[in-house]
Amino acid sequence: MEDSVLRYFRCQYLFSLSSFLFASVICAQTGTSSARVIALGMQDQRGQFVEGIQSEQILVTQPVARIQHLELDSAPRRILLLLDTSGSMGNYQTLSWSNVAEFTRRFTRQRDGDDAIGLDTFAEKDQVLVPFTADSQLVVTHLDEVKNSGMGRTMLGNALTQILARKENQLRFGDAIVLVSDGDRSQDDKTDFARLRDALIRGGIRICLVRVPSIIPTDATVDATDVSSLVSDTGGIELDMAGTMPVQLGNGVRVNSQALDSNAKAAYAFVRAYYQVSLEVSGTLGKPNRLHLEVVDQKRRKLKGVKLNYPRYLLPLSSD
């Protein structure tokens, strides 16, 4: 009888111990994974948003992670038009500034439903002209009143830092900045762009750079740095209207009407919808890790002619 009792308690102990060890393993596995939510844009060759994608069509090839959930987000958008009024854009009478203004008018006319548009300008700092509004005409009216373009250095880092720090009309996940500029920033801008990149990624803020010709020929620019990497690394998109057209020094070059119209539509298509992607990341991230996604068809073949826009880095969480 005594042996039977001992065997019973021994079995109970071993069962409890094995249950504890199993639970410890599960907790350890859970503790070495973490979740991230990113914005994923997807455009076809015409610049139109690609709909109907399922979560199993998104592959994570780097780092070790899996898709937990994918959801189309086509809620009303808040879009900040950020216009470059620095010296490289020229004053309000130049061809260069006329491109900025005309693009803004055409983009604003795309506004639909409950979408809201804000209007800011920047040179050495950010300046709010119109807070977020559904009144498209109000945006155009204030645009036509801009007479101080063509002055100051292009301090984009300063402007974006001020915008992210703004408490009133603060940007939220999925909001977009449409940056209309020649795409250069002054080397006098000492912003920590790695930190700025991470802040944009953490906030889920998307940037569409609409590159317009400046008043300075490309080969004459010696003290500027291109911002393309910031745009692409944070999941943004770049639309180029500058091309290889010869620039008149001090005046720029006029972009044709068709290019202005098509780029306004492509920019609006980019900001209008995106997929929210929930990722489960295996292991811990001690530093920003490169992220690489692919989209495949139902037969697991990579989709051709589709461009993906998403943050190129997964960032550590405070608990990583």
C-alpha atoms as a PDB file:
ATOM      1  CA  MET A   1       0.000   0.000   0.000  1.00  0.00           C
ATOM      2  CA  GLU A   2       2.822   2.352   0.955  1.00  0.00           C
ATOM      3  CA  ASP A   3       4.613   1.653  -2.319  1.00  0.00           C
ATOM      4  CA  SER A   4       1.443   2.435  -4.251  1.00  0.00           C
ATOM      5  CA  VAL A   5       1.072   5.771  -2.480  1.00  0.00           C
ATOM      6  CA  LEU A   6       4.699   6.656  -3.157  1.00  0.00           C
ATOM      7  CA  ARG A   7       4.332   5.747  -6.824  1.00  0.00           C
ATOM      8  CA  TYR A   8       1.182   7.921  -7.023  1.00  0.00           C
ATOM      9  CA  PHE A   9       2.880  11.016  -5.582  1.00  0.00           C
ATOM     10  CA  ARG A  10       5.979  10.372  -7.706  1.00  0.00           C
ATOM     11  CA  CYS A  11       3.812  10.297 -10.836  1.00  0.00           C
ATOM     12  CA  GLN A  12       2.015  13.490  -9.763  1.00  0.00           C
ATOM     13  CA  TYR A  13       5.359  15.179  -9.170  1.00  0.00           C
ATOM     14  CA  LEU A  14       6.722  14.110 -12.537  1.00  0.00           C
ATOM     15  CA  PHE A  15       3.522  15.259 -14.264  1.00  0.00           C
ATOM     16  CA  SER A  16       3.678  18.639 -12.526  1.00  0.00           C
ATOM     17  CA  LEU A  17       7.363  18.984 -13.356  1.00  0.00           C
ATOM     18  CA  SER A  18       6.822  18.124 -17.034  1.00  0.00           C
ATOM     19  CA  SER A  19       3.873  20.540 -17.201  1.00  0.00           C
ATOM     20  CA  PHE A  20       6.025  23.278 -15.666  1.00  0.00           C
ATOM     21  CA  LEU A  21       8.884  22.649 -18.098  1.00  0.00           C
ATOM     22  CA  PHE A  22       6.493  22.604 -21.071  1.00  0.00           C
ATOM     23  CA  ALA A  23       4.903  25.878 -19.946  1.00  0.00           C
ATOM     24  CA  SER A  24       8.380  27.360 -19.474  1.00  0.00           C
ATOM     25  CA  VAL A  25       9.300  26.464 -23.054  1.00  0.00           C
ATOM     26  CA  ILE A  26       6.098  28.012 -24.368  1.00  0.00           C
ATOM     27  CA  CYS A  27       6.729  31.181 -22.364  1.00  0.00           C
ATOM     28  CA  ALA A  28      10.327  31.313 -23.630  1.00  0.00           C
ATOM     29  CA  GLN A  29       9.167  30.932 -27.235  1.00  0.00           C
ATOM     30  CA  THR A  30       6.582  33.652 -26.751  1.00  0.00           C
ATOM     31  CA  GLY A  31       9.197  35.838 -25.116  1.00  0.00           C
ATOM     32  CA  THR A  32      11.469  35.598 -28.144  1.00  0.00           C
ATOM     33  CA  SER A  33       8.899  36.869 -30.636  1.00  0.00           C
ATOM     34  CA  SER A  34       7.262  40.245 -30.985  1.00  0.00           C
ATOM     35  CA  ALA A  35       4.679  41.931 -33.143  1.00  0.00           C
ATOM     36  CA  ARG A  36       5.029  44.848 -35.552  1.00  0.00           C
ATOM     37  CA  VAL A  37       2.429  46.652 -37.653  1.00  0.00           C
ATOM     38  CA  ILE A  38       3.598  48.289 -40.876  1.00  0.00           C
ATOM     39  CA  ALA A  39       1.956  50.058 -43.799  1.00  0.00           C
ATOM     40  CA  LEU A  40       2.320  48.322 -47.165  1.00  0.00           C
ATOM     41  CA  GLY A  41       1.628  50.132 -50.411  1.00  0.00           C
ATOM     42  CA  MET A  42       1.335  48.258 -53.684  1.00  0.00           C
ATOM     43  CA  GLN A  43       1.193  49.908 -57.111  1.00  0.00           C
ATOM     44  CA  ASP A  44       0.896  48.457 -60.595  1.00  0.00           C
ATOM     45  CA  GLN A  45       2.716  49.801 -63.659  1.00  0.00           C
ATOM     46  CA  ARG A  46       0.063  52.503 -64.107  1.00  0.00           C
ATOM     47  CA  GLY A  47       0.549  53.717 -60.530  1.00  0.00           C
ATOM     48  CA  GLN A  48      -2.783  52.306 -59.386  1.00  0.00           C
ATOM     49  CA  PHE A  49      -3.215  50.629 -56.010  1.00  0.00           C
ATOM     50  CA  VAL A  50      -3.365  46.825 -56.231  1.00  0.00           C
ATOM     51  CA  GLU A  51      -6.373  45.419 -54.390  1.00  0.00           C
ATOM     52  CA  GLY A  52      -7.459  41.884 -53.534  1.00  0.00           C
ATOM     53  CA  ILE A  53      -4.164  40.691 -52.050  1.00  0.00           C
ATOM     54  CA  GLN A  54      -4.416  37.971 -49.368  1.00  0.00           C
ATOM     55  CA  SER A  55      -2.072  37.512 -46.419  1.00  0.00           C
ATOM     56  CA  GLU A  56      -0.708  34.207 -47.775  1.00  0.00           C
ATOM     57  CA  GLN A  57       0.537  36.075 -50.858  1.00  0.00           C
ATOM     58  CA  ILE A  58       2.965  38.175 -48.788  1.00  0.00           C
ATOM     59  CA  LEU A  59       6.290  36.493 -48.084  1.00  0.00           C
ATOM     60  CA  VAL A  60       8.848  37.716 -45.554  1.00  0.00           C
ATOM     61  CA  THR A  61      12.283  36.734 -46.838  1.00  0.00           C
ATOM     62  CA  GLN A  62      14.231  38.751 -44.271  1.00  0.00           C
ATOM     63  CA  PRO A  63      14.400  38.613 -41.225  1.00  0.00           C
ATOM     64  CA  VAL A  64      12.723  35.525 -39.699  1.00  0.00           C
ATOM     65  CA  ALA A  65       9.087  36.572 -39.409  1.00  0.00           C
ATOM     66  CA  ARG A  66       5.611  35.596 -40.504  1.00  0.00           C
ATOM     67  CA  ILE A  67       2.480  37.474 -41.504  1.00  0.00           C
ATOM     68  CA  GLN A  68      -0.139  37.358 -38.762  1.00  0.00           C
ATOM     69  CA  HIS A  69      -2.743  39.521 -40.435  1.00  0.00           C
ATOM     70  CA  LEU A  70      -3.244  41.706 -43.495  1.00  0.00           C
ATOM     71  CA  GLU A  71      -6.032  44.252 -43.821  1.00  0.00           C
ATOM     72  CA  LEU A  72      -6.862  46.810 -46.488  1.00  0.00           C
ATOM     73  CA  ASP A  73      -7.102  50.295 -44.998  1.00  0.00           C
ATOM     74  CA  SER A  74      -9.077  52.677 -47.177  1.00  0.00           C
ATOM     75  CA  ALA A  75     -10.391  54.894 -44.382  1.00  0.00           C
ATOM     76  CA  PRO A  76     -10.524  58.680 -44.938  1.00  0.00           C
ATOM     77  CA  ARG A  77      -6.995  60.004 -45.334  1.00  0.00           C
ATOM     78  CA  ARG A  78      -5.212  62.998 -43.844  1.00  0.00           C
ATOM     79  CA  ILE A  79      -2.665  64.346 -46.332  1.00  0.00           C
ATOM     80  CA  LEU A  80      -0.100  67.042 -45.655  1.00  0.00           C
ATOM     81  CA  LEU A  81       1.079  68.885 -48.756  1.00  0.00           C
ATOM     82  CA  LEU A  82       4.608  70.059 -47.920  1.00  0.00           C
ATOM     83  CA  LEU A  83       5.925  72.530 -50.496  1.00  0.00           C
ATOM     84  CA  ASP A  84       9.579  73.445 -50.889  1.00  0.00           C
ATOM     85  CA  THR A  85       9.918  77.250 -50.902  1.00  0.00           C
ATOM     86  CA  SER A  86      13.703  77.301 -50.474  1.00  0.00           C
ATOM     87  CA  GLY A  87      16.126  79.133 -52.747  1.00  0.00           C
ATOM     88  CA  SER A  88      16.472  76.229 -55.195  1.00  0.00           C
ATOM     89  CA  MET A  89      12.772  76.521 -56.112  1.00  0.00           C
ATOM     90  CA  GLY A  90      13.021  80.148 -57.151  1.00  0.00           C
ATOM     91  CA  ASN A  91      10.516  82.885 -56.397  1.00  0.00           C
ATOM     92  CA  TYR A  92       6.813  82.760 -57.255  1.00  0.00           C
ATOM     93  CA  GLN A  93       7.468  84.097 -60.779  1.00  0.00           C
ATOM     94  CA  THR A  94       9.793  81.282 -61.906  1.00  0.00           C
ATOM     95  CA  LEU A  95       8.880  78.236 -63.969  1.00  0.00           C
ATOM     96  CA  SER A  96      10.123  76.045 -61.125  1.00  0.00           C
ATOM     97  CA  TRP A  97       7.648  77.439 -58.601  1.00  0.00           C
ATOM     98  CA  SER A  98       4.842  77.375 -61.173  1.00  0.00           C
ATOM     99  CA  ASN A  99       5.302  73.590 -61.385  1.00  0.00           C
ATOM    100  CA  VAL A 100       5.006  73.281 -57.600  1.00  0.00           C
ATOM    101  CA  ALA A 101       1.867  75.410 -57.551  1.00  0.00           C
ATOM    102  CA  GLU A 102       0.180  73.727 -60.505  1.00  0.00           C
ATOM    103  CA  PHE A 103       0.863  70.241 -59.172  1.00  0.00           C
ATOM    104  CA  THR A 104      -0.653  71.296 -55.837  1.00  0.00           C
ATOM    105  CA  ARG A 105      -3.808  72.582 -57.534  1.00  0.00           C
ATOM    106  CA  ARG A 106      -4.247  69.369 -59.514  1.00  0.00           C
ATOM    107  CA  PHE A 107      -3.556  67.167 -56.527  1.00  0.00           C
ATOM    108  CA  THR A 108      -6.042  69.101 -54.394  1.00  0.00           C
ATOM    109  CA  ARG A 109      -8.730  68.591 -57.032  1.00  0.00           C
ATOM    110  CA  GLN A 110      -8.305  64.828 -56.517  1.00  0.00           C
ATOM    111  CA  ARG A 111      -9.535  65.104 -52.902  1.00  0.00           C
ATOM    112  CA  ASP A 112     -12.557  62.893 -52.391  1.00  0.00           C
ATOM    113  CA  GLY A 113     -15.073  61.980 -49.677  1.00  0.00           C
ATOM    114  CA  ASP A 114     -13.935  62.721 -46.142  1.00  0.00           C
ATOM    115  CA  ASP A 115     -10.237  63.048 -46.986  1.00  0.00           C
ATOM    116  CA  ALA A 116      -8.572  66.112 -45.477  1.00  0.00           C
ATOM    117  CA  ILE A 117      -5.639  68.101 -46.858  1.00  0.00           C
ATOM    118  CA  GLY A 118      -3.244  70.351 -44.970  1.00  0.00           C
ATOM    119  CA  LEU A 119      -0.839  72.817 -46.595  1.00  0.00           C
ATOM    120  CA  ASP A 120       2.641  73.624 -45.256  1.00  0.00           C
ATOM    121  CA  THR A 121       5.692  75.247 -46.793  1.00  0.00           C
ATOM    122  CA  PHE A 122       9.292  74.912 -45.701  1.00  0.00           C
ATOM    123  CA  ALA A 123      12.753  76.299 -46.294  1.00  0.00           C
ATOM    124  CA  GLU A 124      14.749  76.521 -43.076  1.00  0.00           C
ATOM    125  CA  LYS A 125      11.696  75.631 -40.964  1.00  0.00           C
ATOM    126  CA  ASP A 126       8.133  74.407 -41.329  1.00  0.00           C
ATOM    127  CA  GLN A 127       5.304  76.890 -41.802  1.00  0.00           C
ATOM    128  CA  VAL A 128       1.627  75.929 -41.507  1.00  0.00           C
ATOM    129  CA  LEU A 129      -0.566  77.650 -44.081  1.00  0.00           C
ATOM    130  CA  VAL A 130      -3.753  75.549 -43.850  1.00  0.00           C
ATOM    131  CA  PRO A 131      -4.510  72.981 -41.112  1.00  0.00           C
ATOM    132  CA  PHE A 132      -6.218  69.772 -42.268  1.00  0.00           C
ATOM    133  CA  THR A 133      -9.425  70.655 -44.081  1.00  0.00           C
ATOM    134  CA  ALA A 134     -11.930  69.211 -46.537  1.00  0.00           C
ATOM    135  CA  ASP A 135     -12.222  72.657 -48.177  1.00  0.00           C
ATOM    136  CA  SER A 136     -10.149  72.257 -51.337  1.00  0.00           C
ATOM    137  CA  GLN A 137     -10.720  75.862 -52.397  1.00  0.00           C
ATOM    138  CA  LEU A 138      -9.270  77.104 -49.108  1.00  0.00           C
ATOM    139  CA  VAL A 139      -6.042  75.242 -49.885  1.00  0.00           C
ATOM    140  CA  VAL A 140      -5.836  76.756 -53.382  1.00  0.00           C
ATOM    141  CA  THR A 141      -6.577  80.250 -52.071  1.00  0.00           C
ATOM    142  CA  HIS A 142      -3.709  80.111 -49.573  1.00  0.00           C
ATOM    143  CA  LEU A 143      -1.423  78.608 -52.209  1.00  0.00           C
ATOM    144  CA  ASP A 144      -2.041  81.580 -54.497  1.00  0.00           C
ATOM    145  CA  GLU A 145      -1.042  83.899 -51.657  1.00  0.00           C
ATOM    146  CA  VAL A 146       2.476  82.397 -51.359  1.00  0.00           C
ATOM    147  CA  LYS A 147       4.876  85.160 -52.455  1.00  0.00           C
ATOM    148  CA  ASN A 148       7.902  84.318 -50.306  1.00  0.00           C
ATOM    149  CA  SER A 149       9.233  81.342 -52.231  1.00  0.00           C
ATOM    150  CA  GLY A 150      12.851  81.189 -53.344  1.00  0.00           C
ATOM    151  CA  MET A 151      14.448  82.139 -50.025  1.00  0.00           C
ATOM    152  CA  GLY A 152      16.564  80.180 -47.569  1.00  0.00           C
ATOM    153  CA  ARG A 153      18.313  76.815 -47.419  1.00  0.00           C
ATOM    154  CA  THR A 154      16.489  73.507 -47.918  1.00  0.00           C
ATOM    155  CA  MET A 155      16.328  72.252 -44.326  1.00  0.00           C
ATOM    156  CA  LEU A 156      13.967  69.327 -44.842  1.00  0.00           C
ATOM    157  CA  GLY A 157      15.153  67.494 -41.739  1.00  0.00           C
ATOM    158  CA  ASN A 158      14.303  70.478 -39.555  1.00  0.00           C
ATOM    159  CA  ALA A 159      10.857  70.781 -41.130  1.00  0.00           C
ATOM    160  CA  LEU A 160       9.979  67.084 -40.758  1.00  0.00           C
ATOM    161  CA  THR A 161      11.196  67.064 -37.146  1.00  0.00           C
ATOM    162  CA  GLN A 162       8.936  70.029 -36.377  1.00  0.00           C
ATOM    163  CA  ILE A 163       5.992  68.349 -38.094  1.00  0.00           C
ATOM    164  CA  LEU A 164       6.418  65.116 -36.125  1.00  0.00           C
ATOM    165  CA  ALA A 165       6.678  67.043 -32.859  1.00  0.00           C
ATOM    166  CA  ARG A 166       3.487  68.968 -33.523  1.00  0.00           C
ATOM    167  CA  LYS A 167       0.782  68.396 -30.901  1.00  0.00           C
ATOM    168  CA  GLU A 168      -2.095  70.087 -32.695  1.00  0.00           C
ATOM    169  CA  ASN A 169      -3.076  68.314 -35.940  1.00  0.00           C
ATOM    170  CA  GLN A 170      -0.555  65.608 -35.073  1.00  0.00           C
ATOM    171  CA  LEU A 171       0.136  63.055 -37.815  1.00  0.00           C
ATOM    172  CA  ARG A 172      -1.099  59.520 -37.131  1.00  0.00           C
ATOM    173  CA  PHE A 173      -0.369  56.038 -38.474  1.00  0.00           C
ATOM    174  CA  GLY A 174      -1.257  55.892 -42.172  1.00  0.00           C
ATOM    175  CA  ASP A 175      -1.238  59.657 -42.697  1.00  0.00           C
ATOM    176  CA  ALA A 176       0.822  60.868 -45.631  1.00  0.00           C
ATOM    177  CA  ILE A 177       3.142  63.727 -46.494  1.00  0.00           C
ATOM    178  CA  VAL A 178       3.251  64.743 -50.152  1.00  0.00           C
ATOM    179  CA  LEU A 179       6.609  66.476 -50.477  1.00  0.00           C
ATOM    180  CA  VAL A 180       6.825  68.671 -53.588  1.00  0.00           C
ATOM    181  CA  SER A 181      10.499  69.528 -54.021  1.00  0.00           C
ATOM    182  CA  ASP A 182      13.596  69.053 -56.131  1.00  0.00           C
ATOM    183  CA  GLY A 183      14.459  66.267 -53.662  1.00  0.00           C
ATOM    184  CA  ASP A 184      17.657  67.805 -52.302  1.00  0.00           C
ATOM    185  CA  ARG A 185      18.480  69.081 -48.831  1.00  0.00           C
ATOM    186  CA  SER A 186      21.203  71.464 -47.755  1.00  0.00           C
ATOM    187  CA  GLN A 187      24.312  69.988 -46.158  1.00  0.00           C
ATOM    188  CA  ASP A 188      23.816  72.666 -43.482  1.00  0.00           C
ATOM    189  CA  ASP A 189      20.870  70.597 -42.273  1.00  0.00           C
ATOM    190  CA  LYS A 190      22.469  68.722 -39.352  1.00  0.00           C
ATOM    191  CA  THR A 191      19.395  66.643 -38.507  1.00  0.00           C
ATOM    192  CA  ASP A 192      20.115  63.047 -37.424  1.00  0.00           C
ATOM    193  CA  PHE A 193      18.440  61.423 -40.419  1.00  0.00           C
ATOM    194  CA  ALA A 194      18.734  57.882 -39.014  1.00  0.00           C
ATOM    195  CA  ARG A 195      16.736  59.010 -35.983  1.00  0.00           C
ATOM    196  CA  LEU A 196      14.290  60.871 -38.225  1.00  0.00           C
ATOM    197  CA  ARG A 197      13.893  57.736 -40.371  1.00  0.00           C
ATOM    198  CA  ASP A 198      13.106  55.657 -37.292  1.00  0.00           C
ATOM    199  CA  ALA A 199      10.596  58.228 -36.028  1.00  0.00           C
ATOM    200  CA  LEU A 200       8.741  58.167 -39.368  1.00  0.00           C
ATOM    201  CA  ILE A 201       8.724  54.344 -39.377  1.00  0.00           C
ATOM    202  CA  ARG A 202       7.495  54.097 -35.783  1.00  0.00           C
ATOM    203  CA  GLY A 203       4.775  56.636 -36.500  1.00  0.00           C
ATOM    204  CA  GLY A 204       3.671  54.894 -39.701  1.00  0.00           C
ATOM    205  CA  ILE A 205       3.950  58.180 -41.628  1.00  0.00           C
ATOM    206  CA  ARG A 206       4.178  57.728 -45.400  1.00  0.00           C
ATOM    207  CA  ILE A 207       5.994  60.138 -47.742  1.00  0.00           C
ATOM    208  CA  CYS A 208       5.369  60.715 -51.432  1.00  0.00           C
ATOM    209  CA  LEU A 209       8.199  62.738 -52.968  1.00  0.00           C
ATOM    210  CA  VAL A 210       7.111  64.564 -56.103  1.00  0.00           C
ATOM    211  CA  ARG A 211      10.353  65.685 -57.675  1.00  0.00           C
ATOM    212  CA  VAL A 212      10.105  68.898 -59.699  1.00  0.00           C
ATOM    213  CA  PRO A 213      12.896  70.727 -61.575  1.00  0.00           C
ATOM    214  CA  SER A 214      14.698  73.380 -59.525  1.00  0.00           C
ATOM    215  CA  ILE A 215      16.205  76.604 -60.844  1.00  0.00           C
ATOM    216  CA  ILE A 216      19.686  75.081 -60.580  1.00  0.00           C
ATOM    217  CA  PRO A 217      20.987  72.605 -63.182  1.00  0.00           C
ATOM    218  CA  THR A 218      21.801  69.198 -61.704  1.00  0.00           C
ATOM    219  CA  ASP A 219      25.516  69.392 -62.478  1.00  0.00           C
ATOM    220  CA  ALA A 220      25.729  72.752 -60.667  1.00  0.00           C
ATOM    221  CA  THR A 221      24.467  71.413 -57.324  1.00  0.00           C
ATOM    222  CA  VAL A 222      27.489  70.832 -55.078  1.00  0.00           C
ATOM    223  CA  ASP A 223      26.265  71.423 -51.526  1.00  0.00           C
ATOM    224  CA  ALA A 224      23.092  69.308 -51.447  1.00  0.00           C
ATOM    225  CA  THR A 225      22.187  65.740 -50.488  1.00  0.00           C
ATOM    226  CA  ASP A 226      19.441  63.713 -52.155  1.00  0.00           C
ATOM    227  CA  VAL A 227      16.607  62.557 -49.873  1.00  0.00           C
ATOM    228  CA  SER A 228      15.558  59.509 -51.916  1.00  0.00           C
ATOM    229  CA  SER A 229      16.929  57.054 -49.347  1.00  0.00           C
ATOM    230  CA  LEU A 230      14.854  58.609 -46.548  1.00  0.00           C
ATOM    231  CA  VAL A 231      11.716  58.304 -48.670  1.00  0.00           C
ATOM    232  CA  SER A 232      12.294  54.688 -49.729  1.00  0.00           C
ATOM    233  CA  ASP A 233      13.556  53.524 -46.319  1.00  0.00           C
ATOM    234  CA  THR A 234      10.408  54.762 -44.596  1.00  0.00           C
ATOM    235  CA  GLY A 235       8.067  53.105 -47.085  1.00  0.00           C
ATOM    236  CA  GLY A 236       7.463  56.074 -49.329  1.00  0.00           C
ATOM    237  CA  ILE A 237       7.328  56.502 -53.078  1.00  0.00           C
ATOM    238  CA  GLU A 238       9.037  58.883 -55.498  1.00  0.00           C
ATOM    239  CA  LEU A 239       7.480  60.427 -58.599  1.00  0.00           C
ATOM    240  CA  ASP A 240       9.935  62.182 -60.890  1.00  0.00           C
ATOM    241  CA  MET A 241       8.822  65.122 -63.013  1.00  0.00           C
ATOM    242  CA  ALA A 242      12.327  66.567 -63.299  1.00  0.00           C
ATOM    243  CA  GLY A 243      13.708  63.954 -65.679  1.00  0.00           C
ATOM    244  CA  THR A 244      16.568  65.043 -67.921  1.00  0.00           C
ATOM    245  CA  MET A 245      15.035  68.259 -69.205  1.00  0.00           C
ATOM    246  CA  PRO A 246      17.563  71.104 -69.621  1.00  0.00           C
ATOM    247  CA  VAL A 247      17.093  73.707 -66.892  1.00  0.00           C
ATOM    248  CA  GLN A 248      17.306  77.443 -67.382  1.00  0.00           C
ATOM    249  CA  LEU A 249      19.572  78.704 -64.612  1.00  0.00           C
ATOM    250  CA  GLY A 250      17.538  80.883 -62.267  1.00  0.00           C
ATOM    251  CA  ASN A 251      14.207  79.923 -63.838  1.00  0.00           C
ATOM    252  CA  GLY A 252      13.891  76.130 -64.152  1.00  0.00           C
ATOM    253  CA  VAL A 253      11.792  74.447 -66.807  1.00  0.00           C
ATOM    254  CA  ARG A 254       8.053  74.045 -67.284  1.00  0.00           C
ATOM    255  CA  VAL A 255       6.615  70.553 -66.761  1.00  0.00           C
ATOM    256  CA  ASN A 256       3.974  69.687 -69.357  1.00  0.00           C
ATOM    257  CA  SER A 257       0.330  69.464 -68.411  1.00  0.00           C
ATOM    258  CA  GLN A 258       0.026  65.721 -68.981  1.00  0.00           C
ATOM    259  CA  ALA A 259       2.924  64.943 -66.629  1.00  0.00           C
ATOM    260  CA  LEU A 260       1.472  67.204 -63.944  1.00  0.00           C
ATOM    261  CA  ASP A 261      -1.911  65.546 -64.226  1.00  0.00           C
ATOM    262  CA  SER A 262      -0.672  61.936 -64.259  1.00  0.00           C
ATOM    263  CA  ASN A 263       1.646  62.496 -61.295  1.00  0.00           C
ATOM    264  CA  ALA A 264      -1.101  64.202 -59.291  1.00  0.00           C
ATOM    265  CA  LYS A 265      -3.291  61.142 -59.834  1.00  0.00           C
ATOM    266  CA  ALA A 266      -0.457  58.722 -58.998  1.00  0.00           C
ATOM    267  CA  ALA A 267       0.372  60.615 -55.793  1.00  0.00           C
ATOM    268  CA  TYR A 268      -3.251  60.551 -54.678  1.00  0.00           C
ATOM    269  CA  ALA A 269      -3.535  56.835 -55.476  1.00  0.00           C
ATOM    270  CA  PHE A 270      -0.497  56.208 -53.255  1.00  0.00           C
ATOM    271  CA  VAL A 271      -1.796  58.094 -50.232  1.00  0.00           C
ATOM    272  CA  ARG A 272      -5.400  56.945 -50.599  1.00  0.00           C
ATOM    273  CA  ALA A 273      -5.075  53.268 -49.568  1.00  0.00           C
ATOM    274  CA  TYR A 274      -2.611  50.818 -48.089  1.00  0.00           C
ATOM    275  CA  TYR A 275      -2.503  47.449 -46.345  1.00  0.00           C
ATOM    276  CA  GLN A 276      -1.947  47.211 -42.611  1.00  0.00           C
ATOM    277  CA  VAL A 277       0.374  44.246 -42.130  1.00  0.00           C
ATOM    278  CA  SER A 278       0.877  42.584 -38.742  1.00  0.00           C
ATOM    279  CA  LEU A 279       4.216  40.793 -38.498  1.00  0.00           C
ATOM    280  CA  GLU A 280       5.345  38.322 -35.857  1.00  0.00           C
ATOM    281  CA  VAL A 281       9.117  38.622 -35.605  1.00  0.00           C
ATOM    282  CA  SER A 282      11.145  35.694 -34.261  1.00  0.00           C
ATOM    283  CA  GLY A 283      13.962  36.475 -31.851  1.00  0.00           C
ATOM    284  CA  THR A 284      14.954  39.847 -30.512  1.00  0.00           C
ATOM    285  CA  LEU A 285      16.114  42.883 -32.438  1.00  0.00           C
ATOM    286  CA  GLY A 286      19.038  44.676 -30.877  1.00  0.00           C
ATOM    287  CA  LYS A 287      19.248  47.140 -33.758  1.00  0.00           C
ATOM    288  CA  PRO A 288      17.263  48.049 -36.894  1.00  0.00           C
ATOM    289  CA  ASN A 289      17.027  44.989 -39.142  1.00  0.00           C
ATOM    290  CA  ARG A 290      16.565  45.072 -42.892  1.00  0.00           C
ATOM    291  CA  LEU A 291      13.084  43.952 -43.957  1.00  0.00           C
ATOM    292  CA  HIS A 292      12.343  42.344 -47.318  1.00  0.00           C
ATOM    293  CA  LEU A 293       8.857  41.427 -48.523  1.00  0.00           C
ATOM    294  CA  GLU A 294       7.670  39.792 -51.734  1.00  0.00           C
ATOM    295  CA  VAL A 295       4.198  39.365 -53.160  1.00  0.00           C
ATOM    296  CA  VAL A 296       3.316  36.177 -55.056  1.00  0.00           C
ATOM    297  CA  ASP A 297       0.312  34.860 -56.947  1.00  0.00           C
ATOM    298  CA  GLN A 298      -1.802  31.876 -55.953  1.00  0.00           C
ATOM    299  CA  LYS A 299       0.794  29.545 -57.504  1.00  0.00           C
ATOM    300  CA  ARG A 300       3.562  31.134 -55.375  1.00  0.00           C
ATOM    301  CA  ARG A 301       5.122  32.892 -58.358  1.00  0.00           C
ATOM    302  CA  LYS A 302       6.447  36.419 -57.787  1.00  0.00           C
ATOM    303  CA  LEU A 303       4.046  39.004 -59.164  1.00  0.00           C
ATOM    304  CA  LYS A 304       5.573  41.033 -61.978  1.00  0.00           C
ATOM    305  CA  GLY A 305       5.012  44.713 -62.587  1.00  0.00           C
ATOM    306  CA  VAL A 306       4.097  45.384 -58.958  1.00  0.00           C
ATOM    307  CA  LYS A 307       6.026  47.827 -56.797  1.00  0.00           C
ATOM    308  CA  LEU A 308       5.946  47.440 -53.011  1.00  0.00           C
ATOM    309  CA  ASN A 309       6.389  50.374 -50.656  1.00  0.00           C
ATOM    310  CA  TYR A 310       7.024  49.544 -47.004  1.00  0.00           C
ATOM    311  CA  PRO A 311       9.518  50.454 -44.266  1.00  0.00           C
ATOM    312  CA  ARG A 312      12.869  48.870 -45.109  1.00  0.00           C
ATOM    313  CA  TYR A 313      13.758  48.403 -41.449  1.00  0.00           C
ATOM    314  CA  LEU A 314      12.182  46.599 -38.526  1.00  0.00           C
ATOM    315  CA  LEU A 315      13.004  48.530 -35.377  1.00  0.00           C
ATOM    316  CA  PRO A 316      13.624  47.191 -31.868  1.00  0.00           C
ATOM    317  CA  LEU A 317      10.857  47.527 -29.331  1.00  0.00           C
ATOM    318  CA  SER A 318      11.669  48.759 -25.870  1.00  0.00           C
ATOM    319  CA  SER A 319      11.435  45.142 -24.652  1.00  0.00           C
ATOM    320  CA  ASP A 320      13.624  43.678 -27.434  1.00  0.00           C
END
